[in-house]
Amino acid sequence: MNHLSFAQTADGSKTIFNSLVGEHYHSRHGALQESRHVFLKSGLQFYLEQNNAEELNILEVGFGTGLNFLLSADYCTSNNIKLHYTGIEAFPLPGSMISGTGYDEFIDSTLWESFTQNYTACLNNSVPLNSLCDLEIAESKLMDFQTDKKFDVLYFDAFAAIHQPEMWNLESLSHITSFLNPGAVFVTYAITGNLKRTMKSLNFSIEKAPGAPGKREMLRAVKLF
């Protein structure tokens, strides 16, 4: 794991730099700000506002450090919402790096303790972390991922297309969005003309939403019925 190192972002939260890919796991403008804005606010909270749901399934492409999961689980636990969370991660981080992120500053201490203690157990298994939240981390490449589950929200947090173009092509997006329910919300930090055209071709309505710090816009898409 010599290719992985911690880096401080502009809002004081940590991210990880992957020298093999040449990219950070989160925005250098603020890991915490990005996760809260793109995924929690524009994804999870948007879905709940539209559907008034008391239970939901979230799928994440690029589980990484677990920050998106932690913020989502903390929010759902605080608001008495049942959360079933599946993260896809081809190269899971070692538990020591997860513990070293310092994300315990941003969430409930009981959730953090349960997450760090059960992190390795969650690899390819669904594990309840508290009475409202369970987590499974599928150790899989995107195109190899299979499940019988259907999801309400998709956090697409892959590395940028310039580094991993195969993650953003029609084949990959068609495969991963096939696991979504009608009305499901797809969110990602990026927005390009090609991505918008691809999502439209997959029967999604698309929206240019305000981006996180450092990005003017991001993409939110809703799967049509």
C-alpha atoms as a PDB file:
ATOM      1  CA  MET A   1       0.000   0.000   0.000  1.00  0.00           C
ATOM      2  CA  ASN A   2       2.979   2.326  -0.517  1.00  0.00           C
ATOM      3  CA  HIS A   3       1.044   4.044  -3.306  1.00  0.00           C
ATOM      4  CA  LEU A   4      -1.522   5.359  -0.800  1.00  0.00           C
ATOM      5  CA  SER A   5      -0.927   8.377   1.445  1.00  0.00           C
ATOM      6  CA  PHE A   6      -3.052  10.774   3.473  1.00  0.00           C
ATOM      7  CA  ALA A   7      -3.537  14.352   2.302  1.00  0.00           C
ATOM      8  CA  GLN A   8      -5.211  17.319   3.980  1.00  0.00           C
ATOM      9  CA  THR A   9      -8.015  19.076   2.090  1.00  0.00           C
ATOM     10  CA  ALA A  10      -9.031  22.730   2.242  1.00  0.00           C
ATOM     11  CA  ASP A  11     -11.806  22.217   4.812  1.00  0.00           C
ATOM     12  CA  GLY A  12      -9.465  20.417   7.225  1.00  0.00           C
ATOM     13  CA  SER A  13     -10.720  16.905   6.496  1.00  0.00           C
ATOM     14  CA  LYS A  14      -8.411  14.195   5.183  1.00  0.00           C
ATOM     15  CA  THR A  15      -8.419  12.345   1.903  1.00  0.00           C
ATOM     16  CA  ILE A  16      -6.113   9.739   0.394  1.00  0.00           C
ATOM     17  CA  PHE A  17      -3.873  10.141  -2.629  1.00  0.00           C
ATOM     18  CA  ASN A  18      -3.442   7.125  -4.909  1.00  0.00           C
ATOM     19  CA  SER A  19      -0.177   7.558  -6.799  1.00  0.00           C
ATOM     20  CA  LEU A  20      -0.935   4.627  -9.136  1.00  0.00           C
ATOM     21  CA  VAL A  21      -4.069   6.362 -10.399  1.00  0.00           C
ATOM     22  CA  GLY A  22      -2.706   9.863  -9.925  1.00  0.00           C
ATOM     23  CA  GLU A  23      -5.774  11.144  -8.107  1.00  0.00           C
ATOM     24  CA  HIS A  24      -7.161  11.881  -4.663  1.00  0.00           C
ATOM     25  CA  TYR A  25     -10.170  10.002  -3.299  1.00  0.00           C
ATOM     26  CA  HIS A  26     -11.981  13.286  -2.633  1.00  0.00           C
ATOM     27  CA  SER A  27     -11.847  16.909  -3.751  1.00  0.00           C
ATOM     28  CA  ARG A  28      -8.807  18.820  -2.514  1.00  0.00           C
ATOM     29  CA  HIS A  29     -11.217  21.733  -1.989  1.00  0.00           C
ATOM     30  CA  GLY A  30     -12.756  19.782   0.893  1.00  0.00           C
ATOM     31  CA  ALA A  31     -13.461  16.074   1.301  1.00  0.00           C
ATOM     32  CA  LEU A  32     -16.168  16.632   3.900  1.00  0.00           C
ATOM     33  CA  GLN A  33     -17.814  19.492   1.987  1.00  0.00           C
ATOM     34  CA  GLU A  34     -17.894  17.465  -1.224  1.00  0.00           C
ATOM     35  CA  SER A  35     -19.417  14.379   0.394  1.00  0.00           C
ATOM     36  CA  ARG A  36     -22.046  16.392   2.229  1.00  0.00           C
ATOM     37  CA  HIS A  37     -23.030  18.422  -0.821  1.00  0.00           C
ATOM     38  CA  VAL A  38     -22.865  15.919  -3.692  1.00  0.00           C
ATOM     39  CA  PHE A  39     -23.980  12.720  -2.031  1.00  0.00           C
ATOM     40  CA  LEU A  40     -25.788  13.465   1.238  1.00  0.00           C
ATOM     41  CA  LYS A  41     -27.639  16.655   0.277  1.00  0.00           C
ATOM     42  CA  SER A  42     -28.066  16.236  -3.495  1.00  0.00           C
ATOM     43  CA  GLY A  43     -28.579  12.462  -3.385  1.00  0.00           C
ATOM     44  CA  LEU A  44     -29.964  11.008  -0.153  1.00  0.00           C
ATOM     45  CA  GLN A  45     -31.787  14.067   1.155  1.00  0.00           C
ATOM     46  CA  PHE A  46     -33.156  14.907  -2.287  1.00  0.00           C
ATOM     47  CA  TYR A  47     -34.571  11.391  -2.622  1.00  0.00           C
ATOM     48  CA  LEU A  48     -36.188  11.549   0.812  1.00  0.00           C
ATOM     49  CA  GLU A  49     -37.751  14.933   0.040  1.00  0.00           C
ATOM     50  CA  GLN A  50     -39.244  13.545  -3.151  1.00  0.00           C
ATOM     51  CA  ASN A  51     -40.455  10.255  -1.694  1.00  0.00           C
ATOM     52  CA  ASN A  52     -40.957  10.749   2.061  1.00  0.00           C
ATOM     53  CA  ALA A  53     -39.451   7.288   2.598  1.00  0.00           C
ATOM     54  CA  GLU A  54     -38.703   5.694   5.967  1.00  0.00           C
ATOM     55  CA  GLU A  55     -36.402   3.043   4.486  1.00  0.00           C
ATOM     56  CA  LEU A  56     -34.055   3.025   1.500  1.00  0.00           C
ATOM     57  CA  ASN A  57     -31.284   1.162  -0.287  1.00  0.00           C
ATOM     58  CA  ILE A  58     -28.151   3.024  -1.368  1.00  0.00           C
ATOM     59  CA  LEU A  59     -25.545   1.733  -3.823  1.00  0.00           C
ATOM     60  CA  GLU A  60     -22.149   3.399  -4.053  1.00  0.00           C
ATOM     61  CA  VAL A  61     -19.584   2.971  -6.814  1.00  0.00           C
ATOM     62  CA  GLY A  62     -16.189   3.635  -5.236  1.00  0.00           C
ATOM     63  CA  PHE A  63     -16.604   3.020  -1.501  1.00  0.00           C
ATOM     64  CA  GLY A  64     -13.071   4.251  -0.819  1.00  0.00           C
ATOM     65  CA  THR A  65     -12.628   5.717   2.658  1.00  0.00           C
ATOM     66  CA  GLY A  66     -16.284   5.200   3.598  1.00  0.00           C
ATOM     67  CA  LEU A  67     -16.964   8.921   4.112  1.00  0.00           C
ATOM     68  CA  ASN A  68     -20.116   8.955   1.979  1.00  0.00           C
ATOM     69  CA  PHE A  69     -21.431   5.951   3.865  1.00  0.00           C
ATOM     70  CA  LEU A  70     -20.621   7.405   7.282  1.00  0.00           C
ATOM     71  CA  LEU A  71     -22.390  10.695   6.608  1.00  0.00           C
ATOM     72  CA  SER A  72     -25.405   8.863   5.175  1.00  0.00           C
ATOM     73  CA  ALA A  73     -25.607   6.394   8.055  1.00  0.00           C
ATOM     74  CA  ASP A  74     -25.224   9.166  10.614  1.00  0.00           C
ATOM     75  CA  TYR A  75     -28.020  11.167   8.974  1.00  0.00           C
ATOM     76  CA  CYS A  76     -30.355   8.172   8.722  1.00  0.00           C
ATOM     77  CA  THR A  77     -29.697   7.090  12.293  1.00  0.00           C
ATOM     78  CA  SER A  78     -30.397  10.609  13.562  1.00  0.00           C
ATOM     79  CA  ASN A  79     -33.645  10.759  11.568  1.00  0.00           C
ATOM     80  CA  ASN A  80     -34.894   7.227  12.318  1.00  0.00           C
ATOM     81  CA  ILE A  81     -34.584   6.057   8.703  1.00  0.00           C
ATOM     82  CA  LYS A  82     -33.710   2.447   7.908  1.00  0.00           C
ATOM     83  CA  LEU A  83     -30.660   2.317   5.644  1.00  0.00           C
ATOM     84  CA  HIS A  84     -29.368  -0.646   3.625  1.00  0.00           C
ATOM     85  CA  TYR A  85     -26.036   0.364   2.090  1.00  0.00           C
ATOM     86  CA  THR A  86     -23.938  -1.474  -0.494  1.00  0.00           C
ATOM     87  CA  GLY A  87     -20.572  -0.111  -1.576  1.00  0.00           C
ATOM     88  CA  ILE A  88     -18.607  -1.450  -4.544  1.00  0.00           C
ATOM     89  CA  GLU A  89     -14.840  -1.308  -4.111  1.00  0.00           C
ATOM     90  CA  ALA A  90     -12.391  -3.270  -6.247  1.00  0.00           C
ATOM     91  CA  PHE A  91      -9.473  -2.444  -3.940  1.00  0.00           C
ATOM     92  CA  PRO A  92     -10.669  -2.022  -0.347  1.00  0.00           C
ATOM     93  CA  LEU A  93      -8.442   0.068   1.889  1.00  0.00           C
ATOM     94  CA  PRO A  94      -6.786  -1.615   4.869  1.00  0.00           C
ATOM     95  CA  GLY A  95      -8.551  -1.102   8.175  1.00  0.00           C
ATOM     96  CA  SER A  96      -5.608   0.906   9.505  1.00  0.00           C
ATOM     97  CA  MET A  97      -6.107   3.572   6.830  1.00  0.00           C
ATOM     98  CA  ILE A  98      -9.849   3.672   7.451  1.00  0.00           C
ATOM     99  CA  SER A  99      -9.184   4.271  11.158  1.00  0.00           C
ATOM    100  CA  GLY A 100      -6.634   6.963  10.314  1.00  0.00           C
ATOM    101  CA  THR A 101      -8.994   9.157   8.301  1.00  0.00           C
ATOM    102  CA  GLY A 102     -10.187  11.040  11.386  1.00  0.00           C
ATOM    103  CA  TYR A 103     -13.799  10.929  10.213  1.00  0.00           C
ATOM    104  CA  ASP A 104     -14.886  10.203  13.783  1.00  0.00           C
ATOM    105  CA  GLU A 105     -14.893  14.009  14.185  1.00  0.00           C
ATOM    106  CA  PHE A 106     -17.912  14.308  11.884  1.00  0.00           C
ATOM    107  CA  ILE A 107     -20.272  11.542  13.021  1.00  0.00           C
ATOM    108  CA  ASP A 108     -21.687   9.880  16.122  1.00  0.00           C
ATOM    109  CA  SER A 109     -18.978   8.095  18.102  1.00  0.00           C
ATOM    110  CA  THR A 110     -21.017   4.896  18.480  1.00  0.00           C
ATOM    111  CA  LEU A 111     -21.464   4.614  14.708  1.00  0.00           C
ATOM    112  CA  TRP A 112     -17.767   5.240  14.138  1.00  0.00           C
ATOM    113  CA  GLU A 113     -16.785   2.558  16.633  1.00  0.00           C
ATOM    114  CA  SER A 114     -19.154   0.041  15.071  1.00  0.00           C
ATOM    115  CA  PHE A 115     -17.922   0.866  11.563  1.00  0.00           C
ATOM    116  CA  THR A 116     -14.215   0.567  12.339  1.00  0.00           C
ATOM    117  CA  GLN A 117     -14.689  -2.625  14.368  1.00  0.00           C
ATOM    118  CA  ASN A 118     -16.794  -4.308  11.677  1.00  0.00           C
ATOM    119  CA  TYR A 119     -15.161  -2.877   8.542  1.00  0.00           C
ATOM    120  CA  THR A 120     -13.403  -6.081   7.447  1.00  0.00           C
ATOM    121  CA  ALA A 121     -16.462  -8.176   8.343  1.00  0.00           C
ATOM    122  CA  CYS A 122     -18.499  -6.059   5.897  1.00  0.00           C
ATOM    123  CA  LEU A 123     -16.374  -7.187   2.945  1.00  0.00           C
ATOM    124  CA  ASN A 124     -18.789  -9.275   0.860  1.00  0.00           C
ATOM    125  CA  ASN A 125     -21.203  -9.601   3.804  1.00  0.00           C
ATOM    126  CA  SER A 126     -24.097  -7.458   4.974  1.00  0.00           C
ATOM    127  CA  VAL A 127     -23.474  -6.524   8.603  1.00  0.00           C
ATOM    128  CA  PRO A 128     -25.800  -4.502  10.879  1.00  0.00           C
ATOM    129  CA  LEU A 129     -23.853  -1.617  12.410  1.00  0.00           C
ATOM    130  CA  ASN A 130     -26.753  -0.456  14.546  1.00  0.00           C
ATOM    131  CA  SER A 131     -30.515  -1.015  14.721  1.00  0.00           C
ATOM    132  CA  LEU A 132     -31.120   1.156  11.643  1.00  0.00           C
ATOM    133  CA  CYS A 133     -28.139   0.615   9.372  1.00  0.00           C
ATOM    134  CA  ASP A 134     -26.454  -2.313   7.654  1.00  0.00           C
ATOM    135  CA  LEU A 135     -23.437  -2.234   5.364  1.00  0.00           C
ATOM    136  CA  GLU A 136     -21.976  -4.517   2.715  1.00  0.00           C
ATOM    137  CA  ILE A 137     -18.789  -3.721   0.792  1.00  0.00           C
ATOM    138  CA  ALA A 138     -18.707  -5.740  -2.417  1.00  0.00           C
ATOM    139  CA  GLU A 139     -15.075  -6.432  -3.258  1.00  0.00           C
ATOM    140  CA  SER A 140     -15.628  -6.331  -6.995  1.00  0.00           C
ATOM    141  CA  LYS A 141     -14.939  -4.464 -10.198  1.00  0.00           C
ATOM    142  CA  LEU A 142     -17.955  -2.548 -11.449  1.00  0.00           C
ATOM    143  CA  MET A 143     -18.701  -4.821 -14.408  1.00  0.00           C
ATOM    144  CA  ASP A 144     -18.389  -7.946 -12.233  1.00  0.00           C
ATOM    145  CA  PHE A 145     -20.873  -6.704  -9.636  1.00  0.00           C
ATOM    146  CA  GLN A 146     -24.121  -8.658  -9.406  1.00  0.00           C
ATOM    147  CA  THR A 147     -26.961  -8.555  -6.897  1.00  0.00           C
ATOM    148  CA  ASP A 148     -30.655  -9.338  -6.577  1.00  0.00           C
ATOM    149  CA  LYS A 149     -31.188  -6.068  -4.708  1.00  0.00           C
ATOM    150  CA  LYS A 150     -32.690  -2.932  -6.196  1.00  0.00           C
ATOM    151  CA  PHE A 151     -31.574   0.510  -5.052  1.00  0.00           C
ATOM    152  CA  ASP A 152     -33.162   3.916  -4.528  1.00  0.00           C
ATOM    153  CA  VAL A 153     -30.034   6.087  -4.661  1.00  0.00           C
ATOM    154  CA  LEU A 154     -26.759   5.577  -6.527  1.00  0.00           C
ATOM    155  CA  TYR A 155     -23.662   7.456  -5.420  1.00  0.00           C
ATOM    156  CA  PHE A 156     -21.333   7.359  -8.432  1.00  0.00           C
ATOM    157  CA  ASP A 157     -17.976   8.266  -6.886  1.00  0.00           C
ATOM    158  CA  ALA A 158     -15.490   6.650  -9.256  1.00  0.00           C
ATOM    159  CA  PHE A 159     -12.174   8.294 -10.092  1.00  0.00           C
ATOM    160  CA  ALA A 160     -12.423  10.940 -12.813  1.00  0.00           C
ATOM    161  CA  ALA A 161     -12.924   9.875 -16.425  1.00  0.00           C
ATOM    162  CA  ILE A 162      -9.492  11.200 -17.380  1.00  0.00           C
ATOM    163  CA  HIS A 163      -7.976   8.505 -15.143  1.00  0.00           C
ATOM    164  CA  GLN A 164     -10.586   5.741 -15.449  1.00  0.00           C
ATOM    165  CA  PRO A 165     -12.567   6.284 -18.670  1.00  0.00           C
ATOM    166  CA  GLU A 166     -13.870   2.700 -18.588  1.00  0.00           C
ATOM    167  CA  MET A 167     -15.943   3.536 -15.494  1.00  0.00           C
ATOM    168  CA  TRP A 168     -17.898   6.252 -17.300  1.00  0.00           C
ATOM    169  CA  ASN A 169     -18.738   4.610 -20.617  1.00  0.00           C
ATOM    170  CA  LEU A 170     -22.164   3.447 -21.770  1.00  0.00           C
ATOM    171  CA  GLU A 171     -21.503  -0.204 -20.944  1.00  0.00           C
ATOM    172  CA  SER A 172     -20.513   0.508 -17.339  1.00  0.00           C
ATOM    173  CA  LEU A 173     -23.282   3.011 -16.665  1.00  0.00           C
ATOM    174  CA  SER A 174     -25.892   0.761 -18.271  1.00  0.00           C
ATOM    175  CA  HIS A 175     -24.769  -2.145 -16.106  1.00  0.00           C
ATOM    176  CA  ILE A 176     -24.742  -0.306 -12.800  1.00  0.00           C
ATOM    177  CA  THR A 177     -27.989   1.621 -13.333  1.00  0.00           C
ATOM    178  CA  SER A 178     -29.796  -1.646 -14.115  1.00  0.00           C
ATOM    179  CA  PHE A 179     -29.890  -2.224 -10.346  1.00  0.00           C
ATOM    180  CA  LEU A 180     -31.950   0.927  -9.715  1.00  0.00           C
ATOM    181  CA  ASN A 181     -35.662   1.172  -8.985  1.00  0.00           C
ATOM    182  CA  PRO A 182     -37.821   3.476 -11.117  1.00  0.00           C
ATOM    183  CA  GLY A 183     -37.603   6.924  -9.558  1.00  0.00           C
ATOM    184  CA  ALA A 184     -34.128   6.244  -8.161  1.00  0.00           C
ATOM    185  CA  VAL A 185     -31.666   9.127  -7.910  1.00  0.00           C
ATOM    186  CA  PHE A 186     -28.191   9.000  -9.490  1.00  0.00           C
ATOM    187  CA  VAL A 187     -25.666  11.597  -8.316  1.00  0.00           C
ATOM    188  CA  THR A 188     -22.039  12.254  -9.157  1.00  0.00           C
ATOM    189  CA  TYR A 189     -19.586  15.110  -8.667  1.00  0.00           C
ATOM    190  CA  ALA A 190     -18.904  15.367 -12.415  1.00  0.00           C
ATOM    191  CA  ILE A 191     -20.864  16.657 -15.379  1.00  0.00           C
ATOM    192  CA  THR A 192     -19.936  16.444 -19.064  1.00  0.00           C
ATOM    193  CA  GLY A 193     -21.865  16.525 -22.291  1.00  0.00           C
ATOM    194  CA  ASN A 194     -21.086  12.879 -22.907  1.00  0.00           C
ATOM    195  CA  LEU A 195     -22.286  11.863 -19.438  1.00  0.00           C
ATOM    196  CA  LYS A 196     -25.542  13.762 -19.906  1.00  0.00           C
ATOM    197  CA  ARG A 197     -26.176  12.128 -23.285  1.00  0.00           C
ATOM    198  CA  THR A 198     -25.401   8.683 -21.876  1.00  0.00           C
ATOM    199  CA  MET A 199     -27.763   9.087 -18.932  1.00  0.00           C
ATOM    200  CA  LYS A 200     -30.538  10.348 -21.215  1.00  0.00           C
ATOM    201  CA  SER A 201     -30.062   7.307 -23.449  1.00  0.00           C
ATOM    202  CA  LEU A 202     -30.502   5.115 -20.355  1.00  0.00           C
ATOM    203  CA  ASN A 203     -33.943   6.622 -19.669  1.00  0.00           C
ATOM    204  CA  PHE A 204     -32.980   9.147 -17.005  1.00  0.00           C
ATOM    205  CA  SER A 205     -34.140  12.713 -16.635  1.00  0.00           C
ATOM    206  CA  ILE A 206     -31.082  14.843 -15.953  1.00  0.00           C
ATOM    207  CA  GLU A 207     -30.443  18.005 -14.005  1.00  0.00           C
ATOM    208  CA  LYS A 208     -27.438  20.294 -13.722  1.00  0.00           C
ATOM    209  CA  ALA A 209     -27.254  20.911  -9.985  1.00  0.00           C
ATOM    210  CA  PRO A 210     -24.886  23.330  -8.214  1.00  0.00           C
ATOM    211  CA  GLY A 211     -21.513  21.697  -7.620  1.00  0.00           C
ATOM    212  CA  ALA A 212     -19.425  21.344  -4.489  1.00  0.00           C
ATOM    213  CA  PRO A 213     -16.646  23.894  -3.793  1.00  0.00           C
ATOM    214  CA  GLY A 214     -14.252  23.883  -6.736  1.00  0.00           C
ATOM    215  CA  LYS A 215     -16.901  22.745  -9.242  1.00  0.00           C
ATOM    216  CA  ARG A 216     -19.607  24.945 -10.721  1.00  0.00           C
ATOM    217  CA  GLU A 217     -22.023  22.108 -11.529  1.00  0.00           C
ATOM    218  CA  MET A 218     -22.685  18.424 -10.896  1.00  0.00           C
ATOM    219  CA  LEU A 219     -25.074  15.878 -12.374  1.00  0.00           C
ATOM    220  CA  ARG A 220     -28.221  14.558 -10.763  1.00  0.00           C
ATOM    221  CA  ALA A 221     -30.416  12.150 -12.720  1.00  0.00           C
ATOM    222  CA  VAL A 222     -33.673  10.379 -11.931  1.00  0.00           C
ATOM    223  CA  LYS A 223     -34.589   7.023 -13.450  1.00  0.00           C
ATOM    224  CA  LEU A 224     -37.867   7.362 -15.334  1.00  0.00           C
ATOM    225  CA  PHE A 225     -40.731   4.978 -14.727  1.00  0.00           C
END
